[in-house]
Amino acid sequence: MNDWGKVEAIFNQSLYSCLNLQLWSTYLNYVRRRNVVSTDKTGQARKVVTETYEFVLQVIGQDKDAGQIWQDYIQFMRSSPEQVGGTTWQDQQKMDLLRKVYQRAICIPTQAVQSLWKEYDAFELGINKQTVSIPC
């Protein structure tokens, strides 16, 4: 039985009225389940999931407990087929996008800021020490 319409109606009614991290995480999981990137040939699913992460982080990304969502988003971005440190335009774009997300995430005092900082530091040092850009 397909109840996706009912699920979407519940999210539409409750997301903005309840800034509960668990609800927003459930919403992200729902969107990811509906937009499977591993079988998407057009890139549309990845685009929808990326836009959803950006939307969710814009609303609740400042929450002290949002660190896991930031980490999940970074992991999702890392899973794209481009190679960090590669030579193509798409590789460079992935590196730039990852850098921006890391920089946004480490400027927020979440419970995961220390682990995010370590990941970001390793990311920058793994690419090229001369291009390191320290935010905040």
Protein backbone atom coordinates (compact mmCIF):
# COMPACT_ATOMS: atom_id res chain seq x y z
CA MET A 1 0.00 0.00 0.00
CA ASN A 2 1.35 3.43 -0.94
CA ASP A 3 0.77 6.02 1.79
CA TRP A 4 3.39 8.50 0.62
CA GLY A 5 0.74 11.20 0.17
CA LYS A 6 -0.38 10.81 3.77
CA VAL A 7 3.20 10.95 5.00
CA GLU A 8 3.84 14.12 3.02
CA ALA A 9 0.66 15.71 4.39
CA ILE A 10 1.82 14.99 7.95
CA PHE A 11 5.21 16.56 7.25
CA ASN A 12 3.56 19.60 5.63
CA GLN A 13 1.39 20.09 8.70
CA SER A 14 4.01 19.55 11.35
CA LEU A 15 7.53 20.49 10.25
CA TYR A 16 7.36 24.25 10.74
CA SER A 17 5.22 24.07 13.83
CA CYS A 18 7.58 21.66 15.57
CA LEU A 19 11.30 22.35 15.41
CA ASN A 20 12.07 18.95 16.85
CA LEU A 21 15.38 17.53 15.64
CA GLN A 22 14.06 13.97 15.54
CA LEU A 23 11.11 15.00 13.35
CA TRP A 24 13.41 16.80 10.92
CA SER A 25 15.77 13.81 10.86
CA THR A 26 12.81 11.57 10.06
CA TYR A 27 11.88 13.94 7.25
CA LEU A 28 15.40 13.69 5.84
CA ASN A 29 15.25 9.90 6.01
CA TYR A 30 11.91 9.97 4.21
CA VAL A 31 13.27 12.15 1.41
CA ARG A 32 16.33 9.93 1.06
CA ARG A 33 14.13 6.85 0.89
CA ARG A 34 11.95 8.42 -1.80
CA ASN A 35 14.97 9.62 -3.81
CA VAL A 36 17.42 6.75 -4.11
CA VAL A 37 20.69 8.16 -5.44
CA SER A 38 22.31 4.79 -6.12
CA THR A 39 19.83 3.99 -8.90
CA ASP A 40 19.37 7.52 -10.22
CA LYS A 41 20.82 7.94 -13.71
CA THR A 42 19.76 11.58 -14.17
CA GLY A 43 21.14 13.10 -10.97
CA GLN A 44 17.69 14.38 -10.02
CA ALA A 45 17.52 12.29 -6.83
CA ARG A 46 20.90 13.61 -5.63
CA LYS A 47 19.73 17.15 -6.35
CA VAL A 48 16.51 16.67 -4.36
CA VAL A 49 18.35 15.16 -1.39
CA THR A 50 20.98 17.93 -1.44
CA GLU A 51 18.29 20.61 -1.53
CA THR A 52 16.49 18.89 1.34
CA TYR A 53 19.63 18.81 3.48
CA GLU A 54 20.19 22.50 2.77
CA PHE A 55 16.57 23.27 3.68
CA VAL A 56 16.71 21.27 6.92
CA LEU A 57 20.05 22.78 7.95
CA GLN A 58 18.76 26.26 7.22
CA VAL A 59 15.89 25.66 9.64
CA ILE A 60 17.54 23.61 12.42
CA GLY A 61 21.25 23.57 11.61
CA GLN A 62 22.03 25.99 14.43
CA ASP A 63 20.68 23.58 17.05
CA LYS A 64 23.39 22.33 19.42
CA ASP A 65 22.24 18.77 18.72
CA ALA A 66 22.29 19.08 14.91
CA GLY A 67 25.86 17.79 14.60
CA GLN A 68 24.75 14.37 13.37
CA ILE A 69 22.76 15.95 10.56
CA TRP A 70 25.81 17.97 9.52
CA GLN A 71 27.91 14.81 9.59
CA ASP A 72 25.30 12.90 7.56
CA TYR A 73 25.18 15.68 4.98
CA ILE A 74 28.96 15.69 4.62
CA GLN A 75 28.95 11.91 4.26
CA PHE A 76 26.23 12.18 1.62
CA MET A 77 28.28 14.75 -0.29
CA ARG A 78 31.39 12.59 -0.07
CA SER A 79 29.42 9.70 -1.60
CA SER A 80 29.00 11.48 -4.92
CA PRO A 81 30.90 9.88 -7.81
CA GLU A 82 33.40 12.74 -8.24
CA GLN A 83 36.86 12.45 -6.69
CA VAL A 84 38.15 14.98 -4.17
CA GLY A 85 41.52 16.08 -5.44
CA GLY A 86 40.71 14.98 -8.98
CA THR A 87 41.41 17.07 -12.04
CA THR A 88 37.98 17.51 -13.63
CA TRP A 89 35.68 20.46 -13.15
CA GLN A 90 33.21 18.19 -11.32
CA ASP A 91 35.97 17.00 -8.97
CA GLN A 92 36.88 20.61 -8.19
CA GLN A 93 33.23 21.49 -7.62
CA LYS A 94 32.83 18.60 -5.16
CA MET A 95 35.91 19.75 -3.27
CA ASP A 96 34.63 23.34 -3.11
CA LEU A 97 31.17 22.26 -1.95
CA LEU A 98 32.60 19.99 0.74
CA ARG A 99 34.85 22.79 1.94
CA LYS A 100 31.89 25.19 2.23
CA VAL A 101 29.77 22.70 4.15
CA TYR A 102 32.62 21.85 6.53
CA GLN A 103 33.24 25.54 7.13
CA ARG A 104 29.57 26.18 7.86
CA ALA A 105 29.38 23.16 10.18
CA ILE A 106 32.46 23.92 12.29
CA CYS A 107 31.28 27.46 13.00
CA ILE A 108 28.28 26.12 14.90
CA PRO A 109 28.84 24.92 18.46
CA THR A 110 27.20 21.52 18.07
CA GLN A 111 28.03 18.40 20.04
CA ALA A 112 29.96 17.20 16.98
CA VAL A 113 32.09 20.28 16.37
CA GLN A 114 35.30 18.63 17.54
CA SER A 115 34.93 15.59 15.28
CA LEU A 116 33.80 17.80 12.40
CA TRP A 117 36.89 19.97 12.90
CA LYS A 118 39.17 16.91 12.82
CA GLU A 119 37.48 15.67 9.63
CA TYR A 120 37.75 19.12 8.05
CA ASP A 121 41.42 19.44 9.00
CA ALA A 122 42.17 16.03 7.48
CA PHE A 123 40.15 16.95 4.39
CA GLU A 124 42.10 20.17 3.82
CA LEU A 125 45.49 18.66 4.58
CA GLY A 126 44.70 15.70 2.34
CA ILE A 127 44.06 17.96 -0.64
CA ASN A 128 46.82 20.53 -0.54
CA LYS A 129 48.31 22.38 2.41
CA GLN A 130 48.67 25.54 0.32
CA THR A 131 44.93 25.83 -0.38
CA VAL A 132 43.75 25.47 3.20
CA SER A 133 41.10 28.03 4.06
CA ILE A 134 40.32 28.48 7.76
CA PRO A 135 36.81 29.85 8.43
CA CYS A 136 35.29 31.80 11.32
